[in-house]
Amino acid sequence: LNKISAFKSAIDVPTGLNADSGFGEIVFNSDLTITLGEFKKGLFIGSGYEFCGEIVLKEIGIGTDYFDEINPDTYLIEPEHVNTNLPNRPKSVHKYSAGKVLSIAGSYKYPGAASLSSQSALVAGAGSSILAIPKRKKKLIHKNLLEVVVESYGNDKTKYFNVEALNTVQQKIKWADVVAIGPGLGREVETVNAVKEFLIQRKFKSAVIDADALFALDQSFLEKVNLRNCILTPHLGEFSQMIGVESSTIEKDFLSYGRVFAIKHKCILVLKGAPSIIFNQAGEAFINTIGNSGMAKFGTGDVLTGIISGILSQNKSTETAAITGVY
């Protein structure tokens, strides 16, 4: 059927798709899915996201009373939810009361990620954004950043973030409402150790942990670190490395693995993909409903880190910042 060149419709659920997990080995590729009674979460994730086409809800005689008695743990993010959560600026706001973000990002090898992330925090409404980067890359970064304050650590030979650099930026960590750490940091041993020390010391108010900083969160370290007030933004491969489970296994049940992780570590987990799914400390899942394949390229994740950090610096809610930022 999938080889036929025609407009194809599925009734309720495309054949072959698990309506709960969104997984299927072979799934009917429909252009239109008319689902009955109520939406099924599997239609919006995994194979469902790829093969359901346009999804339309129709009645089948069940009525609404039945669903009113159900307490859902999975939600679709829609425009009205995001609009009501966008930060509101009072007239008397100034650049420091509007949100302060420190980005510990970039390295000798990946300076561009730092630029994208720190600038995005300002675009998302933060009043002040400071970027901490190795001294030898400061001049290069300055050419691309006009509003971001660039502060360096180390000397002209320093290539990567390390424990000595962490000590240098301690005052800025305490100053910031949010610390974004990871984009372009690199995975050197010295950097991994510095990220672990950053999390152990917990001198930050809130943190958005992305990209190379996630590499420090191996299974043994996760068992002893406190991730409260943290937002983690791994893609599937990074999440697989963190929990020690093959990507192909996680794909069969995204929701279960995400819920278990967020509950266990009392953090916000943004599992990036098509679509991205946000999990809160209670195990609730929020499925992003927009996006397109043009976002699959270098830099998108760095921009997301900056956007989430910028919003979080203003509203102080990790859950709201993650949901709004992803959308």
Protein backbone atom coordinates (compact mmCIF):
# COMPACT_ATOMS: atom_id res chain seq x y z
CA LEU A 1 0.00 0.00 0.00
CA ASN A 2 2.80 2.44 0.84
CA LYS A 3 4.19 2.06 -2.69
CA ILE A 4 0.91 3.20 -4.28
CA SER A 5 0.95 6.78 -5.53
CA ALA A 6 -2.38 7.98 -4.16
CA PHE A 7 -3.92 10.01 -1.36
CA LYS A 8 -4.15 7.62 1.57
CA SER A 9 -6.32 7.86 4.68
CA ALA A 10 -6.14 5.97 7.97
CA ILE A 11 -9.11 5.51 10.26
CA ASP A 12 -8.40 5.90 14.01
CA VAL A 13 -4.78 4.64 13.94
CA PRO A 14 -2.57 3.81 10.91
CA THR A 15 -2.13 0.06 10.60
CA GLY A 16 1.08 -1.15 12.28
CA LEU A 17 1.40 1.77 14.70
CA ASN A 18 1.36 1.29 18.48
CA ALA A 19 -1.08 3.98 19.63
CA ASP A 20 0.65 4.34 23.02
CA SER A 21 4.37 4.26 22.19
CA GLY A 22 4.30 5.64 18.63
CA PHE A 23 6.47 2.74 17.49
CA GLY A 24 5.97 0.44 14.52
CA GLU A 25 8.21 -1.76 12.37
CA ILE A 26 6.05 -1.29 9.24
CA VAL A 27 3.42 1.46 9.40
CA PHE A 28 0.78 2.49 6.88
CA ASN A 29 1.94 5.86 5.51
CA SER A 30 -1.21 7.99 5.54
CA ASP A 31 -1.73 11.51 4.28
CA LEU A 32 -4.73 11.92 6.58
CA THR A 33 -5.52 10.16 9.86
CA ILE A 34 -9.09 10.50 11.12
CA THR A 35 -8.77 9.43 14.73
CA LEU A 36 -11.91 8.59 16.69
CA GLY A 37 -13.11 9.50 20.17
CA GLU A 38 -9.92 11.20 21.37
CA PHE A 39 -6.31 11.76 20.35
CA LYS A 40 -3.83 8.92 20.97
CA LYS A 41 -0.34 9.93 22.08
CA GLY A 42 1.33 7.51 19.65
CA LEU A 43 0.00 9.54 16.73
CA PHE A 44 2.31 12.42 17.59
CA ILE A 45 5.63 10.74 18.36
CA GLY A 46 8.07 8.34 16.70
CA SER A 47 6.61 6.56 13.68
CA GLY A 48 3.30 8.28 14.30
CA TYR A 49 4.85 11.69 13.77
CA GLU A 50 6.31 10.51 10.48
CA PHE A 51 3.44 8.47 9.02
CA CYS A 52 0.13 9.96 10.26
CA GLY A 53 0.01 12.99 7.99
CA GLU A 54 -2.69 15.47 8.98
CA ILE A 55 -4.53 14.32 12.11
CA VAL A 56 -8.23 15.11 12.51
CA LEU A 57 -10.34 14.19 15.56
CA LYS A 58 -13.91 12.96 14.99
CA GLU A 59 -16.66 11.71 17.30
CA ILE A 60 -17.74 8.07 17.38
CA GLY A 61 -20.44 8.22 20.05
CA ILE A 62 -18.35 7.90 23.21
CA GLY A 63 -19.10 11.46 24.35
CA THR A 64 -16.95 13.68 26.56
CA ASP A 65 -18.06 12.44 30.01
CA TYR A 66 -15.81 9.39 29.77
CA PHE A 67 -12.71 11.48 29.07
CA ASP A 68 -13.52 14.04 31.76
CA GLU A 69 -12.82 11.37 34.38
CA ILE A 70 -9.35 10.52 33.01
CA ASN A 71 -6.26 12.23 34.43
CA PRO A 72 -3.81 12.48 31.50
CA ASP A 73 -0.03 12.52 31.88
CA THR A 74 0.74 13.45 28.26
CA TYR A 75 -0.13 16.76 26.62
CA LEU A 76 0.15 18.51 23.27
CA ILE A 77 1.69 21.99 23.38
CA GLU A 78 -0.57 24.47 21.59
CA PRO A 79 -0.20 28.20 20.84
CA GLU A 80 -2.44 29.42 23.66
CA HIS A 81 -0.35 27.58 26.25
CA VAL A 82 2.81 29.28 25.04
CA ASN A 83 1.34 32.76 24.59
CA THR A 84 0.17 32.94 28.20
CA ASN A 85 3.62 31.94 29.42
CA LEU A 86 5.71 34.48 27.53
CA PRO A 87 7.50 36.81 29.98
CA ASN A 88 5.75 40.10 30.77
CA ARG A 89 8.05 43.10 31.12
CA PRO A 90 6.98 45.85 33.53
CA LYS A 91 7.66 49.42 32.44
CA SER A 92 10.28 49.95 35.13
CA VAL A 93 12.43 46.97 34.08
CA HIS A 94 16.17 47.44 33.53
CA LYS A 95 18.80 45.26 31.90
CA TYR A 96 19.73 43.40 35.07
CA SER A 97 16.21 42.86 36.37
CA ALA A 98 15.11 41.56 32.95
CA GLY A 99 17.15 38.37 33.33
CA LYS A 100 20.85 37.58 33.60
CA VAL A 101 22.37 34.69 31.64
CA LEU A 102 25.91 33.36 31.79
CA SER A 103 26.89 31.05 28.93
CA ILE A 104 29.87 28.77 29.53
CA ALA A 105 30.28 27.71 25.95
CA GLY A 106 32.67 27.45 23.05
CA SER A 107 36.25 26.23 22.79
CA TYR A 108 39.28 26.35 20.53
CA LYS A 109 37.56 23.88 18.21
CA TYR A 110 33.93 25.06 18.37
CA PRO A 111 33.67 28.83 18.90
CA GLY A 112 30.53 29.33 16.78
CA ALA A 113 28.22 27.44 19.14
CA ALA A 114 29.04 29.94 21.90
CA SER A 115 28.05 32.85 19.67
CA LEU A 116 24.71 31.29 18.69
CA SER A 117 23.76 30.36 22.24
CA SER A 118 24.71 33.57 24.05
CA GLN A 119 23.09 35.81 21.43
CA SER A 120 19.86 33.75 21.45
CA ALA A 121 19.45 34.42 25.18
CA LEU A 122 19.17 38.14 24.43
CA VAL A 123 16.82 37.60 21.50
CA ALA A 124 14.57 35.60 23.87
CA GLY A 125 14.30 38.63 26.13
CA ALA A 126 17.09 38.36 28.70
CA GLY A 127 18.39 41.78 29.72
CA SER A 128 22.04 40.77 29.97
CA SER A 129 24.08 37.95 28.50
CA ILE A 130 27.70 37.18 29.38
CA LEU A 131 29.77 34.61 27.53
CA ALA A 132 32.75 32.89 29.15
CA ILE A 133 35.19 31.51 26.55
CA PRO A 134 38.93 30.69 26.28
CA LYS A 135 41.06 33.83 25.97
CA ARG A 136 42.57 32.79 22.62
CA LYS A 137 39.07 32.88 21.02
CA LYS A 138 37.87 36.14 22.53
CA LYS A 139 38.86 38.37 19.59
CA LEU A 140 37.28 36.03 17.06
CA ILE A 141 34.00 35.87 18.98
CA HIS A 142 33.89 39.65 19.46
CA LYS A 143 33.58 40.09 15.70
CA ASN A 144 30.22 38.29 15.73
CA LEU A 145 28.73 39.64 18.97
CA LEU A 146 27.71 43.23 19.58
CA GLU A 147 25.41 43.01 22.62
CA VAL A 148 26.86 40.02 24.46
CA VAL A 149 29.60 40.76 26.99
CA VAL A 150 32.53 38.42 26.37
CA GLU A 151 34.70 37.45 29.33
CA SER A 152 37.70 35.18 28.90
CA TYR A 153 39.47 32.66 31.07
CA GLY A 154 42.91 31.12 30.92
CA ASN A 155 45.72 32.44 28.71
CA ASP A 156 46.61 32.44 25.01
CA LYS A 157 47.35 28.72 25.19
CA THR A 158 44.08 27.68 26.86
CA LYS A 159 41.90 25.73 24.42
CA TYR A 160 39.16 24.28 26.59
CA PHE A 161 37.13 24.85 29.75
CA ASN A 162 38.80 23.32 32.83
CA VAL A 163 38.64 23.45 36.65
CA GLU A 164 40.92 26.49 36.75
CA ALA A 165 38.56 28.27 34.37
CA LEU A 166 35.61 27.29 36.56
CA ASN A 167 37.26 29.02 39.50
CA THR A 168 37.77 32.13 37.35
CA VAL A 169 34.06 32.45 36.50
CA GLN A 170 32.65 31.61 39.97
CA GLN A 171 31.53 35.19 40.65
CA LYS A 172 29.62 35.30 37.37
CA ILE A 173 27.98 31.95 38.15
CA LYS A 174 26.64 33.42 41.40
CA TRP A 175 25.60 36.60 39.57
CA ALA A 176 23.55 34.89 36.86
CA ASP A 177 19.91 33.89 37.11
CA VAL A 178 20.69 31.07 34.68
CA VAL A 179 23.90 29.38 33.60
CA ALA A 180 23.84 27.77 30.15
CA ILE A 181 26.65 25.27 29.85
CA GLY A 182 27.75 22.94 27.07
CA PRO A 183 27.44 24.29 23.51
CA GLY A 184 30.81 23.85 21.79
CA LEU A 185 32.70 23.09 25.03
CA GLY A 186 34.37 19.97 23.67
CA ARG A 187 34.77 16.59 25.36
CA GLU A 188 38.33 16.81 26.65
CA VAL A 189 38.99 15.08 29.97
CA GLU A 190 39.75 18.43 31.62
CA THR A 191 36.42 19.81 30.39
CA VAL A 192 34.41 16.81 31.57
CA ASN A 193 36.00 17.13 35.02
CA ALA A 194 35.19 20.85 35.16
CA VAL A 195 31.54 20.27 34.23
CA LYS A 196 31.25 17.63 36.96
CA GLU A 197 32.78 20.02 39.47
CA PHE A 198 30.35 22.76 38.35
CA LEU A 199 27.41 20.44 39.10
CA ILE A 200 28.83 19.16 42.38
CA GLN A 201 29.47 22.67 43.72
CA ARG A 202 25.95 23.86 42.71
CA LYS A 203 26.69 27.55 43.08
CA PHE A 204 24.20 28.34 40.31
CA LYS A 205 20.51 29.23 40.73
CA SER A 206 19.35 27.37 37.61
CA ALA A 207 21.19 25.69 34.76
CA VAL A 208 20.52 24.61 31.19
CA ILE A 209 22.81 21.68 30.38
CA ASP A 210 23.34 20.90 26.71
CA ALA A 211 25.62 19.31 24.14
CA ASP A 212 29.16 18.52 25.36
CA ALA A 213 28.27 19.20 29.01
CA LEU A 214 25.88 16.24 28.82
CA PHE A 215 28.87 14.03 28.09
CA ALA A 216 29.89 14.44 31.73
CA LEU A 217 26.60 12.90 32.88
CA ASP A 218 27.51 9.25 32.63
CA GLN A 219 25.58 6.64 34.60
CA SER A 220 27.89 6.55 37.62
CA PHE A 221 27.97 10.34 37.98
CA LEU A 222 24.18 10.63 37.56
CA GLU A 223 23.72 8.47 40.65
CA LYS A 224 25.38 11.04 42.91
CA VAL A 225 24.65 14.44 41.36
CA ASN A 226 21.75 16.77 42.24
CA LEU A 227 19.96 18.00 39.09
CA ARG A 228 17.20 20.04 40.73
CA ASN A 229 16.54 23.35 38.94
CA CYS A 230 18.29 21.98 35.87
CA ILE A 231 17.03 21.59 32.30
CA LEU A 232 18.78 18.90 30.28
CA THR A 233 18.48 19.05 26.48
CA PRO A 234 19.89 15.85 24.93
CA HIS A 235 19.10 14.45 21.50
CA LEU A 236 18.47 10.72 21.26
CA GLY A 237 22.15 9.78 20.92
CA GLU A 238 23.18 11.85 23.94
CA PHE A 239 20.31 10.49 26.01
CA SER A 240 21.28 6.95 25.04
CA GLN A 241 24.84 7.56 26.28
CA MET A 242 23.57 9.06 29.55
CA ILE A 243 21.32 6.16 30.55
CA GLY A 244 23.27 3.34 28.92
CA VAL A 245 20.42 2.10 26.70
CA GLU A 246 20.64 1.62 22.94
CA SER A 247 18.92 4.30 20.84
CA SER A 248 16.93 1.65 18.98
CA THR A 249 15.48 0.44 22.28
CA ILE A 250 14.58 3.95 23.47
CA GLU A 251 12.83 4.64 20.17
CA LYS A 252 10.33 1.88 20.92
CA ASP A 253 9.12 3.73 24.02
CA PHE A 254 10.31 7.35 24.22
CA LEU A 255 7.72 8.30 26.80
CA SER A 256 8.55 5.66 29.39
CA TYR A 257 12.31 6.27 29.32
CA GLY A 258 11.84 10.05 29.49
CA ARG A 259 9.39 9.88 32.39
CA VAL A 260 11.58 7.56 34.46
CA PHE A 261 14.64 9.79 34.01
CA ALA A 262 12.88 13.07 34.88
CA ILE A 263 11.20 11.59 37.96
CA LYS A 264 14.37 9.93 39.22
CA HIS A 265 16.60 12.97 38.83
CA LYS A 266 13.94 15.61 39.66
CA CYS A 267 14.85 17.68 36.62
CA ILE A 268 13.32 18.89 33.37
CA LEU A 269 14.29 16.73 30.41
CA VAL A 270 13.99 18.04 26.86
CA LEU A 271 14.37 15.05 24.57
CA LYS A 272 15.15 16.68 21.24
CA GLY A 273 13.94 15.09 18.04
CA ALA A 274 11.04 15.02 15.61
CA PRO A 275 9.11 16.00 17.62
CA SER A 276 10.81 17.20 20.79
CA ILE A 277 9.23 16.07 24.06
CA ILE A 278 9.55 17.78 27.45
CA PHE A 279 9.28 15.77 30.70
CA ASN A 280 8.80 17.31 34.15
CA GLN A 281 9.63 16.04 37.64
CA ALA A 282 6.16 14.51 38.00
CA GLY A 283 6.66 12.41 34.87
CA GLU A 284 4.27 14.40 32.72
CA ALA A 285 5.16 14.66 29.03
CA PHE A 286 4.57 17.67 26.76
CA ILE A 287 4.78 16.97 23.03
CA ASN A 288 5.81 19.85 20.76
CA THR A 289 3.38 20.21 17.85
CA ILE A 290 5.37 22.36 15.43
CA GLY A 291 8.71 22.28 13.62
CA ASN A 292 10.06 21.21 10.26
CA SER A 293 12.92 19.25 8.71
CA GLY A 294 14.83 22.46 7.96
CA MET A 295 15.75 22.58 11.64
CA ALA A 296 17.94 19.48 11.24
CA LYS A 297 21.32 21.20 10.97
CA PHE A 298 24.31 22.38 13.00
CA GLY A 299 23.51 25.18 15.43
CA THR A 300 19.80 24.60 16.04
CA GLY A 301 20.42 23.02 19.44
CA ASP A 302 22.75 25.86 20.45
CA VAL A 303 20.06 28.40 19.62
CA LEU A 304 17.50 26.39 21.61
CA THR A 305 19.78 26.43 24.66
CA GLY A 306 20.01 30.22 24.45
CA ILE A 307 16.26 30.67 23.98
CA ILE A 308 15.38 28.45 26.95
CA SER A 309 18.01 30.19 29.10
CA GLY A 310 16.71 33.62 28.15
CA ILE A 311 13.12 32.74 29.00
CA LEU A 312 14.11 30.98 32.23
CA SER A 313 16.07 34.02 33.40
CA GLN A 314 12.82 35.99 33.23
CA ASN A 315 10.10 33.68 34.53
CA LYS A 316 12.19 31.43 36.85
CA SER A 317 10.09 28.33 36.03
CA THR A 318 12.14 25.50 34.49
CA GLU A 319 9.04 23.70 33.17
CA THR A 320 7.52 26.80 31.57
CA ALA A 321 10.84 27.90 30.08
CA ALA A 322 11.45 24.49 28.50
CA ILE A 323 7.95 24.18 27.02
CA THR A 324 7.88 27.77 25.74
CA GLY A 325 11.45 27.68 24.44
CA VAL A 326 10.99 24.44 22.51
CA TYR A 327 7.75 25.63 20.92
